[in-house]
Amino acid sequence: MNIKKRYINLLTDYGFKKIFGDHVNKHLLLDFLNELFKDEQGEIRDLIYLKTEQLAFSRKDTADLCCKNEKGEIFIVGLRKSKHDFFSNRERYCSSLPIWEQEKRGKWDFGLKAVYTVAIFNFAFDEDKDQPTKYRYDAKLSDIESKRVGYDKQTFIYLEMPKFTKGLEELETGLDKWLYVIRNLHRLDKIPDKLRGKVFEQLFAAAEIARFTPDQMRLYEKSLHYYHEMKKSLATQFAEGWDEGLKDEQIEIALEMLGEGESVKKVADFTGLSLAVVKVLEHKRRQE
């Protein structure tokens, strides 16, 4: 695979884990979580990575990290690349495991530490299409009528990345900057002035593909190939009747633009695809 981009794609498994899952880059995950939990948590001072074998299903459409802060609270941070049945059950199951593991055998001590799940979705749910600008969802167990939180040991934060459409000039908070980078890093050829600062300068340096070893490059190429295959699979079920000369790159660009909310006509004009083909892609994308 001929990789022409300067920076890694953070929405691939390898890119996500290289930036957020490598202990060398622990300060990057720490900064992201501090921005995400600023209002609820206060400052998280340190993180320790934990094993994820029991927390992550062996699915190709997920990438999970698990870490613990200095208070003993657990953070599960995951990338979700495609929709699947019972995703909500999966998130709750994975969140329940570290709660169950806190039991002190024979002592019945239930002074449990909180577990926080952060799921980064590379798609938007049809159920949320009536809220096209709402990209962050926070969920806890609460009373239906009063909305009062009844159990604060499990928190779920869902980030629907296709809904985050802010441009550089619109970034106001540290979280804005992080979400912009997660979604757009692989599209950039240099660090924008808006993102200048120690944390993001270190991130851009760690994400520069030219610095990869041959082994790292092979792993990234494999992950990137799967990422592209996932995107192309949106179209394959509706491929009948398409032009034989249709290129994978055209499909990829079209799907990416549609995911960003661009109109069918604009996508067709930009990619050279027919309106009929783009409409089929958009129809399939909404069903996935």
C-alpha atoms as a PDB file:
ATOM      1  CA  MET A   1       0.000   0.000   0.000  1.00  0.00           C
ATOM      2  CA  ASN A   2       1.398   3.372  -1.006  1.00  0.00           C
ATOM      3  CA  ILE A   3       0.788   5.709   1.938  1.00  0.00           C
ATOM      4  CA  LYS A   4       0.973   9.337   0.851  1.00  0.00           C
ATOM      5  CA  LYS A   5      -0.303  10.921   4.040  1.00  0.00           C
ATOM      6  CA  ARG A   6       2.082  12.564   6.474  1.00  0.00           C
ATOM      7  CA  TYR A   7       0.239  11.658   9.675  1.00  0.00           C
ATOM      8  CA  ILE A   8      -1.391   8.528  10.972  1.00  0.00           C
ATOM      9  CA  ASN A   9      -5.148   7.973  10.903  1.00  0.00           C
ATOM     10  CA  LEU A  10      -6.345   7.939  14.524  1.00  0.00           C
ATOM     11  CA  LEU A  11      -9.555   6.172  13.511  1.00  0.00           C
ATOM     12  CA  THR A  12      -7.626   3.010  12.650  1.00  0.00           C
ATOM     13  CA  ASP A  13      -6.877   0.443  15.338  1.00  0.00           C
ATOM     14  CA  TYR A  14      -3.137   0.891  15.000  1.00  0.00           C
ATOM     15  CA  GLY A  15      -3.286   4.683  14.943  1.00  0.00           C
ATOM     16  CA  PHE A  16      -5.597   4.779  17.954  1.00  0.00           C
ATOM     17  CA  LYS A  17      -3.463   2.413  20.026  1.00  0.00           C
ATOM     18  CA  LYS A  18      -0.139   3.953  18.997  1.00  0.00           C
ATOM     19  CA  ILE A  19      -1.153   7.413  20.172  1.00  0.00           C
ATOM     20  CA  PHE A  20      -3.319   6.505  23.148  1.00  0.00           C
ATOM     21  CA  GLY A  21      -2.173   3.004  24.123  1.00  0.00           C
ATOM     22  CA  ASP A  22       1.617   3.326  24.202  1.00  0.00           C
ATOM     23  CA  HIS A  23       2.967   4.135  27.678  1.00  0.00           C
ATOM     24  CA  VAL A  24       5.474   6.479  26.009  1.00  0.00           C
ATOM     25  CA  ASN A  25       2.499   8.604  24.963  1.00  0.00           C
ATOM     26  CA  LYS A  26       0.588   8.210  28.223  1.00  0.00           C
ATOM     27  CA  HIS A  27       0.564  11.982  28.727  1.00  0.00           C
ATOM     28  CA  LEU A  28      -1.512  12.323  25.533  1.00  0.00           C
ATOM     29  CA  LEU A  29      -4.260  10.026  26.812  1.00  0.00           C
ATOM     30  CA  LEU A  30      -4.066  11.788  30.175  1.00  0.00           C
ATOM     31  CA  ASP A  31      -4.588  15.183  28.553  1.00  0.00           C
ATOM     32  CA  PHE A  32      -7.512  13.896  26.449  1.00  0.00           C
ATOM     33  CA  LEU A  33      -9.257  12.383  29.482  1.00  0.00           C
ATOM     34  CA  ASN A  34      -8.679  15.498  31.556  1.00  0.00           C
ATOM     35  CA  GLU A  35     -10.373  17.589  28.888  1.00  0.00           C
ATOM     36  CA  LEU A  36     -13.212  15.086  28.613  1.00  0.00           C
ATOM     37  CA  PHE A  37     -13.848  14.770  32.352  1.00  0.00           C
ATOM     38  CA  LYS A  38     -12.887  18.277  33.419  1.00  0.00           C
ATOM     39  CA  ASP A  39     -16.287  19.134  34.883  1.00  0.00           C
ATOM     40  CA  GLU A  40     -16.849  15.852  36.703  1.00  0.00           C
ATOM     41  CA  GLN A  41     -13.441  14.540  37.664  1.00  0.00           C
ATOM     42  CA  GLY A  42     -11.178  17.449  38.266  1.00  0.00           C
ATOM     43  CA  GLU A  43      -7.588  16.706  37.347  1.00  0.00           C
ATOM     44  CA  ILE A  44      -6.466  13.142  36.726  1.00  0.00           C
ATOM     45  CA  ARG A  45      -2.826  13.169  37.777  1.00  0.00           C
ATOM     46  CA  ASP A  46      -1.648   9.755  36.625  1.00  0.00           C
ATOM     47  CA  LEU A  47      -2.693   6.677  34.681  1.00  0.00           C
ATOM     48  CA  ILE A  48      -1.610   3.047  34.762  1.00  0.00           C
ATOM     49  CA  TYR A  49      -2.403   0.835  31.765  1.00  0.00           C
ATOM     50  CA  LEU A  50      -4.198  -2.427  32.517  1.00  0.00           C
ATOM     51  CA  LYS A  51      -4.605  -5.608  30.497  1.00  0.00           C
ATOM     52  CA  THR A  52      -7.655  -5.608  28.229  1.00  0.00           C
ATOM     53  CA  GLU A  53      -8.066  -9.285  27.386  1.00  0.00           C
ATOM     54  CA  GLN A  54     -11.176  -9.601  29.544  1.00  0.00           C
ATOM     55  CA  LEU A  55     -12.554  -6.218  28.606  1.00  0.00           C
ATOM     56  CA  ALA A  56     -12.486  -6.304  24.799  1.00  0.00           C
ATOM     57  CA  PHE A  57     -14.276  -8.815  22.596  1.00  0.00           C
ATOM     58  CA  SER A  58     -12.166 -10.296  19.843  1.00  0.00           C
ATOM     59  CA  ARG A  59     -13.941  -8.165  17.241  1.00  0.00           C
ATOM     60  CA  LYS A  60     -12.246  -6.350  14.391  1.00  0.00           C
ATOM     61  CA  ASP A  61     -14.516  -3.343  14.672  1.00  0.00           C
ATOM     62  CA  THR A  62     -13.372  -2.338  18.161  1.00  0.00           C
ATOM     63  CA  ALA A  63     -10.166  -1.211  19.817  1.00  0.00           C
ATOM     64  CA  ASP A  64     -10.147  -0.907  23.596  1.00  0.00           C
ATOM     65  CA  LEU A  65      -7.700   0.521  26.106  1.00  0.00           C
ATOM     66  CA  CYS A  66      -8.057   0.215  29.842  1.00  0.00           C
ATOM     67  CA  CYS A  67      -6.301   2.276  32.482  1.00  0.00           C
ATOM     68  CA  LYS A  68      -6.567   3.226  36.149  1.00  0.00           C
ATOM     69  CA  ASN A  69      -6.019   6.620  37.761  1.00  0.00           C
ATOM     70  CA  GLU A  70      -4.377   7.396  41.082  1.00  0.00           C
ATOM     71  CA  LYS A  71      -7.746   6.946  42.870  1.00  0.00           C
ATOM     72  CA  GLY A  72      -8.153   3.422  41.521  1.00  0.00           C
ATOM     73  CA  GLU A  73     -10.947   4.434  39.139  1.00  0.00           C
ATOM     74  CA  ILE A  74     -11.085   2.584  35.823  1.00  0.00           C
ATOM     75  CA  PHE A  75     -11.254   4.175  32.361  1.00  0.00           C
ATOM     76  CA  ILE A  76     -12.146   2.088  29.310  1.00  0.00           C
ATOM     77  CA  VAL A  77     -11.459   4.037  26.129  1.00  0.00           C
ATOM     78  CA  GLY A  78     -12.546   2.438  22.876  1.00  0.00           C
ATOM     79  CA  LEU A  79     -12.798   3.062  19.162  1.00  0.00           C
ATOM     80  CA  ARG A  80     -15.933   1.807  17.376  1.00  0.00           C
ATOM     81  CA  LYS A  81     -15.721   1.651  13.586  1.00  0.00           C
ATOM     82  CA  SER A  82     -19.014   0.017  12.632  1.00  0.00           C
ATOM     83  CA  LYS A  83     -22.469  -0.556  14.041  1.00  0.00           C
ATOM     84  CA  HIS A  84     -23.482  -3.936  15.341  1.00  0.00           C
ATOM     85  CA  ASP A  85     -26.386  -5.477  17.202  1.00  0.00           C
ATOM     86  CA  PHE A  86     -26.444  -5.191  20.988  1.00  0.00           C
ATOM     87  CA  PHE A  87     -23.640  -2.609  21.111  1.00  0.00           C
ATOM     88  CA  SER A  88     -25.204  -1.105  24.249  1.00  0.00           C
ATOM     89  CA  ASN A  89     -25.139  -4.510  25.954  1.00  0.00           C
ATOM     90  CA  ARG A  90     -21.489  -4.887  25.017  1.00  0.00           C
ATOM     91  CA  GLU A  91     -20.533  -1.543  26.542  1.00  0.00           C
ATOM     92  CA  ARG A  92     -22.304  -2.382  29.786  1.00  0.00           C
ATOM     93  CA  TYR A  93     -20.805  -5.856  29.920  1.00  0.00           C
ATOM     94  CA  CYS A  94     -17.265  -4.535  29.501  1.00  0.00           C
ATOM     95  CA  SER A  95     -17.913  -1.853  32.107  1.00  0.00           C
ATOM     96  CA  SER A  96     -19.277  -4.414  34.582  1.00  0.00           C
ATOM     97  CA  LEU A  97     -16.227  -6.671  34.435  1.00  0.00           C
ATOM     98  CA  PRO A  98     -13.855  -4.321  36.311  1.00  0.00           C
ATOM     99  CA  ILE A  99     -16.620  -3.710  38.872  1.00  0.00           C
ATOM    100  CA  TRP A 100     -17.028  -7.443  39.407  1.00  0.00           C
ATOM    101  CA  GLU A 101     -13.245  -7.883  39.686  1.00  0.00           C
ATOM    102  CA  GLN A 102     -13.092  -5.413  42.580  1.00  0.00           C
ATOM    103  CA  GLU A 103     -14.783  -7.883  44.935  1.00  0.00           C
ATOM    104  CA  LYS A 104     -12.471  -8.719  47.816  1.00  0.00           C
ATOM    105  CA  ARG A 105     -13.008 -12.423  48.193  1.00  0.00           C
ATOM    106  CA  GLY A 106     -14.404 -13.385  51.600  1.00  0.00           C
ATOM    107  CA  LYS A 107     -14.712  -9.790  52.853  1.00  0.00           C
ATOM    108  CA  TRP A 108     -17.860  -8.650  51.033  1.00  0.00           C
ATOM    109  CA  ASP A 109     -16.479  -5.138  50.775  1.00  0.00           C
ATOM    110  CA  PHE A 110     -18.501  -3.212  48.187  1.00  0.00           C
ATOM    111  CA  GLY A 111     -16.772   0.145  48.446  1.00  0.00           C
ATOM    112  CA  LEU A 112     -16.385   0.032  44.682  1.00  0.00           C
ATOM    113  CA  LYS A 113     -14.373   2.359  42.492  1.00  0.00           C
ATOM    114  CA  ALA A 114     -16.058   4.044  39.554  1.00  0.00           C
ATOM    115  CA  VAL A 115     -15.720   2.782  35.983  1.00  0.00           C
ATOM    116  CA  TYR A 116     -15.849   5.226  33.059  1.00  0.00           C
ATOM    117  CA  THR A 117     -16.409   4.086  29.482  1.00  0.00           C
ATOM    118  CA  VAL A 118     -15.486   6.378  26.588  1.00  0.00           C
ATOM    119  CA  ALA A 119     -16.636   5.103  23.183  1.00  0.00           C
ATOM    120  CA  ILE A 120     -15.460   6.980  20.085  1.00  0.00           C
ATOM    121  CA  PHE A 121     -17.813   6.172  17.206  1.00  0.00           C
ATOM    122  CA  ASN A 122     -16.707   6.625  13.606  1.00  0.00           C
ATOM    123  CA  PHE A 123     -20.384   6.779  12.625  1.00  0.00           C
ATOM    124  CA  ALA A 124     -23.623   8.356  13.807  1.00  0.00           C
ATOM    125  CA  PHE A 125     -26.678   6.458  14.975  1.00  0.00           C
ATOM    126  CA  ASP A 126     -29.939   6.780  13.073  1.00  0.00           C
ATOM    127  CA  GLU A 127     -31.697   7.133  16.424  1.00  0.00           C
ATOM    128  CA  ASP A 128     -29.847  10.431  16.918  1.00  0.00           C
ATOM    129  CA  LYS A 129     -30.511  11.958  13.503  1.00  0.00           C
ATOM    130  CA  ASP A 130     -32.953  14.423  15.077  1.00  0.00           C
ATOM    131  CA  GLN A 131     -29.931  15.908  16.890  1.00  0.00           C
ATOM    132  CA  PRO A 132     -27.485  16.506  14.029  1.00  0.00           C
ATOM    133  CA  THR A 133     -25.199  18.793  16.041  1.00  0.00           C
ATOM    134  CA  LYS A 134     -25.087  16.783  19.276  1.00  0.00           C
ATOM    135  CA  TYR A 135     -21.951  14.646  19.192  1.00  0.00           C
ATOM    136  CA  ARG A 136     -21.437  13.945  22.905  1.00  0.00           C
ATOM    137  CA  TYR A 137     -23.766  11.794  25.022  1.00  0.00           C
ATOM    138  CA  ASP A 138     -23.257  11.209  28.763  1.00  0.00           C
ATOM    139  CA  ALA A 139     -25.187   8.376  30.415  1.00  0.00           C
ATOM    140  CA  LYS A 140     -25.581   7.210  34.014  1.00  0.00           C
ATOM    141  CA  LEU A 141     -28.191   5.167  35.866  1.00  0.00           C
ATOM    142  CA  SER A 142     -30.769   7.729  36.980  1.00  0.00           C
ATOM    143  CA  ASP A 143     -34.378   8.146  38.044  1.00  0.00           C
ATOM    144  CA  ILE A 144     -36.623   8.623  35.005  1.00  0.00           C
ATOM    145  CA  GLU A 145     -38.780  11.358  36.533  1.00  0.00           C
ATOM    146  CA  SER A 146     -36.322  13.445  38.543  1.00  0.00           C
ATOM    147  CA  LYS A 147     -33.267  12.670  36.366  1.00  0.00           C
ATOM    148  CA  ARG A 148     -31.333  12.301  39.620  1.00  0.00           C
ATOM    149  CA  VAL A 149     -28.347   9.967  39.358  1.00  0.00           C
ATOM    150  CA  GLY A 150     -29.029   6.847  41.352  1.00  0.00           C
ATOM    151  CA  TYR A 151     -25.738   5.053  40.731  1.00  0.00           C
ATOM    152  CA  ASP A 152     -22.550   6.914  39.947  1.00  0.00           C
ATOM    153  CA  LYS A 153     -20.124   4.000  39.627  1.00  0.00           C
ATOM    154  CA  GLN A 154     -20.770   3.514  35.896  1.00  0.00           C
ATOM    155  CA  THR A 155     -20.508   6.394  33.441  1.00  0.00           C
ATOM    156  CA  PHE A 156     -20.718   6.121  29.664  1.00  0.00           C
ATOM    157  CA  ILE A 157     -19.574   8.846  27.288  1.00  0.00           C
ATOM    158  CA  TYR A 158     -20.347   8.358  23.607  1.00  0.00           C
ATOM    159  CA  LEU A 159     -18.697  10.573  20.986  1.00  0.00           C
ATOM    160  CA  GLU A 160     -20.253  10.446  17.494  1.00  0.00           C
ATOM    161  CA  MET A 161     -17.371  11.773  15.423  1.00  0.00           C
ATOM    162  CA  PRO A 162     -19.251  12.400  12.113  1.00  0.00           C
ATOM    163  CA  LYS A 163     -21.315  15.013  13.966  1.00  0.00           C
ATOM    164  CA  PHE A 164     -18.249  16.949  15.056  1.00  0.00           C
ATOM    165  CA  THR A 165     -17.960  19.333  12.129  1.00  0.00           C
ATOM    166  CA  LYS A 166     -16.139  22.298  13.652  1.00  0.00           C
ATOM    167  CA  GLY A 167     -13.406  23.868  11.574  1.00  0.00           C
ATOM    168  CA  LEU A 168     -10.103  25.129  12.956  1.00  0.00           C
ATOM    169  CA  GLU A 169     -11.412  28.658  13.430  1.00  0.00           C
ATOM    170  CA  GLU A 170     -14.329  27.330  15.518  1.00  0.00           C
ATOM    171  CA  LEU A 171     -12.245  25.411  18.071  1.00  0.00           C
ATOM    172  CA  GLU A 172     -12.709  26.939  21.503  1.00  0.00           C
ATOM    173  CA  THR A 173     -11.899  24.347  24.160  1.00  0.00           C
ATOM    174  CA  GLY A 174      -9.205  21.765  24.673  1.00  0.00           C
ATOM    175  CA  LEU A 175     -11.778  19.044  23.989  1.00  0.00           C
ATOM    176  CA  ASP A 176     -12.698  20.738  20.705  1.00  0.00           C
ATOM    177  CA  LYS A 177      -9.062  20.521  19.680  1.00  0.00           C
ATOM    178  CA  TRP A 178      -8.800  16.865  20.626  1.00  0.00           C
ATOM    179  CA  LEU A 179     -11.923  15.877  18.706  1.00  0.00           C
ATOM    180  CA  TYR A 180     -10.727  17.853  15.694  1.00  0.00           C
ATOM    181  CA  VAL A 181      -7.382  16.027  15.780  1.00  0.00           C
ATOM    182  CA  ILE A 182      -8.978  12.599  16.237  1.00  0.00           C
ATOM    183  CA  ARG A 183     -11.144  13.160  13.195  1.00  0.00           C
ATOM    184  CA  ASN A 184      -8.801  15.121  10.930  1.00  0.00           C
ATOM    185  CA  LEU A 185      -5.170  14.321  11.758  1.00  0.00           C
ATOM    186  CA  HIS A 186      -4.639  12.131   8.686  1.00  0.00           C
ATOM    187  CA  ARG A 187      -5.888  14.935   6.435  1.00  0.00           C
ATOM    188  CA  LEU A 188      -3.287  17.455   7.624  1.00  0.00           C
ATOM    189  CA  ASP A 189       0.206  18.039   6.232  1.00  0.00           C
ATOM    190  CA  LYS A 190       1.457  20.209   9.109  1.00  0.00           C
ATOM    191  CA  ILE A 191       0.414  21.278  12.578  1.00  0.00           C
ATOM    192  CA  PRO A 192      -2.001  24.239  12.376  1.00  0.00           C
ATOM    193  CA  ASP A 193      -1.200  27.361  14.383  1.00  0.00           C
ATOM    194  CA  LYS A 194      -4.472  26.851  16.260  1.00  0.00           C
ATOM    195  CA  LEU A 195      -3.072  23.606  17.681  1.00  0.00           C
ATOM    196  CA  ARG A 196       0.339  24.908  18.685  1.00  0.00           C
ATOM    197  CA  GLY A 197       1.267  23.827  22.187  1.00  0.00           C
ATOM    198  CA  LYS A 198       3.350  21.178  23.913  1.00  0.00           C
ATOM    199  CA  VAL A 199       0.760  18.377  23.927  1.00  0.00           C
ATOM    200  CA  PHE A 200      -0.290  18.597  20.284  1.00  0.00           C
ATOM    201  CA  GLU A 201       3.244  19.200  19.038  1.00  0.00           C
ATOM    202  CA  GLN A 202       4.238  15.945  20.763  1.00  0.00           C
ATOM    203  CA  LEU A 203       1.206  14.196  19.283  1.00  0.00           C
ATOM    204  CA  PHE A 204       2.019  15.344  15.733  1.00  0.00           C
ATOM    205  CA  ALA A 205       5.616  14.169  16.180  1.00  0.00           C
ATOM    206  CA  ALA A 206       4.480  10.729  17.416  1.00  0.00           C
ATOM    207  CA  ALA A 207       1.977  10.452  14.548  1.00  0.00           C
ATOM    208  CA  GLU A 208       4.401  11.228  11.725  1.00  0.00           C
ATOM    209  CA  ILE A 209       4.468   8.205   9.450  1.00  0.00           C
ATOM    210  CA  ALA A 210       7.977   8.911   8.180  1.00  0.00           C
ATOM    211  CA  ARG A 211       9.310   8.100  11.665  1.00  0.00           C
ATOM    212  CA  PHE A 212       7.844   4.587  11.698  1.00  0.00           C
ATOM    213  CA  THR A 213      10.078   1.546  11.753  1.00  0.00           C
ATOM    214  CA  PRO A 214       9.497  -1.076   9.024  1.00  0.00           C
ATOM    215  CA  ASP A 215       7.572  -3.220  11.517  1.00  0.00           C
ATOM    216  CA  GLN A 216       5.410  -0.279  12.561  1.00  0.00           C
ATOM    217  CA  MET A 217       4.744   0.552   8.935  1.00  0.00           C
ATOM    218  CA  ARG A 218       3.598  -3.002   8.205  1.00  0.00           C
ATOM    219  CA  LEU A 219       1.239  -2.983  11.174  1.00  0.00           C
ATOM    220  CA  TYR A 220      -0.163   0.387  10.193  1.00  0.00           C
ATOM    221  CA  GLU A 221      -0.634  -0.659   6.562  1.00  0.00           C
ATOM    222  CA  LYS A 222      -2.552  -3.724   7.716  1.00  0.00           C
ATOM    223  CA  SER A 223      -4.754  -1.628   9.996  1.00  0.00           C
ATOM    224  CA  LEU A 224      -5.271   1.012   7.317  1.00  0.00           C
ATOM    225  CA  HIS A 225      -6.216  -1.664   4.782  1.00  0.00           C
ATOM    226  CA  TYR A 226      -8.896  -2.985   7.113  1.00  0.00           C
ATOM    227  CA  TYR A 227     -10.141   0.577   7.722  1.00  0.00           C
ATOM    228  CA  HIS A 228     -10.543   1.110   3.972  1.00  0.00           C
ATOM    229  CA  GLU A 229     -12.203  -2.280   3.565  1.00  0.00           C
ATOM    230  CA  MET A 230     -14.715  -1.373   6.251  1.00  0.00           C
ATOM    231  CA  LYS A 231     -15.571   1.823   4.409  1.00  0.00           C
ATOM    232  CA  LYS A 232     -15.811   0.094   1.043  1.00  0.00           C
ATOM    233  CA  SER A 233     -18.076  -2.584   2.480  1.00  0.00           C
ATOM    234  CA  LEU A 234     -20.746   0.075   2.823  1.00  0.00           C
ATOM    235  CA  ALA A 235     -20.963   0.081  -0.954  1.00  0.00           C
ATOM    236  CA  THR A 236     -20.398  -3.522  -2.000  1.00  0.00           C
ATOM    237  CA  GLN A 237     -23.923  -4.743  -1.260  1.00  0.00           C
ATOM    238  CA  PHE A 238     -25.261  -2.098  -3.631  1.00  0.00           C
ATOM    239  CA  ALA A 239     -22.608  -2.397  -6.309  1.00  0.00           C
ATOM    240  CA  GLU A 240     -24.816  -4.022  -8.934  1.00  0.00           C
ATOM    241  CA  GLY A 241     -25.264  -1.775 -11.943  1.00  0.00           C
ATOM    242  CA  TRP A 242     -22.392   0.605 -11.131  1.00  0.00           C
ATOM    243  CA  ASP A 243     -19.854   1.696 -13.724  1.00  0.00           C
ATOM    244  CA  GLU A 244     -17.102  -0.850 -14.189  1.00  0.00           C
ATOM    245  CA  GLY A 245     -14.511   1.920 -13.998  1.00  0.00           C
ATOM    246  CA  LEU A 246     -15.514   2.946 -10.474  1.00  0.00           C
ATOM    247  CA  LYS A 247     -12.385   3.336  -8.343  1.00  0.00           C
ATOM    248  CA  ASP A 248     -11.978   2.387  -4.688  1.00  0.00           C
ATOM    249  CA  GLU A 249     -10.488   5.810  -4.006  1.00  0.00           C
ATOM    250  CA  GLN A 250     -13.628   7.498  -5.364  1.00  0.00           C
ATOM    251  CA  ILE A 251     -15.804   5.398  -3.071  1.00  0.00           C
ATOM    252  CA  GLU A 252     -13.595   6.152  -0.076  1.00  0.00           C
ATOM    253  CA  ILE A 253     -13.656   9.895  -0.654  1.00  0.00           C
ATOM    254  CA  ALA A 254     -17.395   9.896  -1.298  1.00  0.00           C
ATOM    255  CA  LEU A 255     -18.150   7.984   1.901  1.00  0.00           C
ATOM    256  CA  GLU A 256     -15.914  10.269   3.909  1.00  0.00           C
ATOM    257  CA  MET A 257     -17.575  13.404   2.508  1.00  0.00           C
ATOM    258  CA  LEU A 258     -21.055  11.997   3.096  1.00  0.00           C
ATOM    259  CA  GLY A 259     -20.091  11.158   6.664  1.00  0.00           C
ATOM    260  CA  GLU A 260     -19.101  14.777   7.091  1.00  0.00           C
ATOM    261  CA  GLY A 261     -22.545  15.948   6.014  1.00  0.00           C
ATOM    262  CA  GLU A 262     -21.757  17.112   2.469  1.00  0.00           C
ATOM    263  CA  SER A 263     -24.631  17.121  -0.027  1.00  0.00           C
ATOM    264  CA  VAL A 264     -25.025  14.359  -2.605  1.00  0.00           C
ATOM    265  CA  LYS A 265     -24.542  16.859  -5.424  1.00  0.00           C
ATOM    266  CA  LYS A 266     -21.334  18.271  -3.954  1.00  0.00           C
ATOM    267  CA  VAL A 267     -19.939  14.758  -3.447  1.00  0.00           C
ATOM    268  CA  ALA A 268     -20.820  13.816  -7.028  1.00  0.00           C
ATOM    269  CA  ASP A 269     -19.226  16.970  -8.423  1.00  0.00           C
ATOM    270  CA  PHE A 270     -16.062  16.502  -6.371  1.00  0.00           C
ATOM    271  CA  THR A 271     -15.523  12.768  -6.954  1.00  0.00           C
ATOM    272  CA  GLY A 272     -16.812  12.464 -10.509  1.00  0.00           C
ATOM    273  CA  LEU A 273     -19.297   9.778  -9.458  1.00  0.00           C
ATOM    274  CA  SER A 274     -22.823   9.897 -10.837  1.00  0.00           C
ATOM    275  CA  LEU A 275     -25.633  11.213  -8.657  1.00  0.00           C
ATOM    276  CA  ALA A 276     -27.200   7.739  -8.736  1.00  0.00           C
ATOM    277  CA  VAL A 277     -24.080   6.098  -7.329  1.00  0.00           C
ATOM    278  CA  VAL A 278     -23.660   8.718  -4.591  1.00  0.00           C
ATOM    279  CA  LYS A 279     -27.314   8.324  -3.624  1.00  0.00           C
ATOM    280  CA  VAL A 280     -26.810   4.572  -3.282  1.00  0.00           C
ATOM    281  CA  LEU A 281     -23.739   5.164  -1.117  1.00  0.00           C
ATOM    282  CA  GLU A 282     -25.652   7.594   1.082  1.00  0.00           C
ATOM    283  CA  HIS A 283     -28.557   5.173   1.417  1.00  0.00           C
ATOM    284  CA  LYS A 284     -26.271   2.342   2.439  1.00  0.00           C
ATOM    285  CA  ARG A 285     -24.280   4.563   4.824  1.00  0.00           C
ATOM    286  CA  ARG A 286     -27.452   5.507   6.690  1.00  0.00           C
ATOM    287  CA  GLN A 287     -28.456   1.872   7.028  1.00  0.00           C
ATOM    288  CA  GLU A 288     -25.148   0.779   8.525  1.00  0.00           C
END
